[in-house]
Amino acid sequence: MEQIEKMQKQLDQLAKKKRRSRKKLKKIKYVGVEFEPSKIEYCEKQVNDALSQGYEPIRDVDTPRGLVLVLGLWQ
């Protein structure tokens, strides 16, 4: 059963890449997320705002203070 779930996840990822390949990357956005209690809520809002605008995560980069999310807007 575990192997079937793994294969299903791989198929889902391939399908998503195929859908994305028909689209072009129109905009890119870098959002810094600091793991400091006083700043986490603000960072969370920035990420959620970008996602609600249609941006999709491309990758994330670890930093000493948190991470940077690379988001793309595909059209």
Protein backbone atom coordinates (compact mmCIF):
# COMPACT_ATOMS: atom_id res chain seq x y z
CA MET A 1 0.00 0.00 0.00
CA GLU A 2 2.83 2.39 0.84
CA GLN A 3 4.39 1.88 -2.58
CA ILE A 4 1.08 2.67 -4.30
CA GLU A 5 0.80 5.93 -2.36
CA LYS A 6 4.38 6.82 -3.32
CA MET A 7 3.65 6.13 -6.98
CA GLN A 8 0.43 8.18 -6.80
CA LYS A 9 2.37 11.11 -5.35
CA GLN A 10 4.91 10.87 -8.17
CA LEU A 11 2.12 10.79 -10.77
CA ASP A 12 0.49 13.83 -9.18
CA GLN A 13 3.80 15.71 -9.31
CA LEU A 14 4.30 14.81 -12.97
CA ALA A 15 0.77 15.91 -13.82
CA LYS A 16 1.35 19.23 -12.07
CA LYS A 17 4.60 19.77 -13.97
CA LYS A 18 2.83 19.01 -17.25
CA ARG A 19 0.07 21.53 -16.51
CA ARG A 20 2.69 24.08 -15.52
CA SER A 21 4.76 23.46 -18.66
CA ARG A 22 1.95 24.88 -20.78
CA LYS A 23 2.01 28.03 -18.73
CA LYS A 24 4.67 30.72 -18.69
CA LEU A 25 6.22 32.21 -15.61
CA LYS A 26 4.99 35.81 -15.58
CA LYS A 27 6.20 37.04 -12.19
CA ILE A 28 8.48 35.88 -9.43
CA LYS A 29 8.36 36.93 -5.80
CA TYR A 30 10.80 36.34 -2.95
CA VAL A 31 9.27 36.28 0.52
CA GLY A 32 11.49 36.15 3.58
CA VAL A 33 10.17 34.20 6.56
CA GLU A 34 11.94 34.86 9.84
CA PHE A 35 11.52 32.37 12.67
CA GLU A 36 11.31 35.08 15.30
CA PRO A 37 8.10 35.11 17.36
CA SER A 38 7.55 38.85 16.91
CA LYS A 39 7.84 38.64 13.10
CA ILE A 40 6.30 35.29 12.22
CA GLU A 41 2.73 36.59 11.96
CA TYR A 42 3.75 39.33 9.51
CA CYS A 43 5.75 36.86 7.41
CA GLU A 44 2.87 34.41 7.42
CA LYS A 45 0.55 37.14 6.14
CA GLN A 46 2.93 37.96 3.27
CA VAL A 47 3.05 34.32 2.19
CA ASN A 48 -0.73 33.89 2.44
CA ASP A 49 -1.34 37.11 0.47
CA ALA A 50 0.94 35.92 -2.33
CA LEU A 51 -0.73 32.49 -2.42
CA SER A 52 -4.18 34.10 -2.58
CA GLN A 53 -2.97 36.16 -5.57
CA GLY A 54 -2.18 32.95 -7.44
CA TYR A 55 1.54 32.60 -6.73
CA GLU A 56 2.81 29.03 -6.37
CA PRO A 57 5.86 27.87 -4.43
CA ILE A 58 8.84 27.10 -6.64
CA ARG A 59 11.40 26.41 -3.93
CA ASP A 60 12.57 27.52 -0.51
CA VAL A 61 16.05 28.46 0.63
CA ASP A 62 17.16 28.04 4.24
CA THR A 63 18.87 31.02 5.84
CA PRO A 64 20.37 31.51 9.30
CA ARG A 65 17.29 33.49 10.41
CA GLY A 66 14.57 31.46 8.67
CA LEU A 67 13.99 30.88 4.98
CA VAL A 68 13.22 32.60 1.71
CA LEU A 69 10.32 31.33 -0.35
CA VAL A 70 10.57 31.67 -4.10
CA LEU A 71 7.07 32.02 -5.51
CA GLY A 72 6.03 32.13 -9.15
CA LEU A 73 2.94 33.42 -10.91
CA TRP A 74 2.18 31.24 -13.94
CA GLN A 75 -0.12 32.23 -16.81
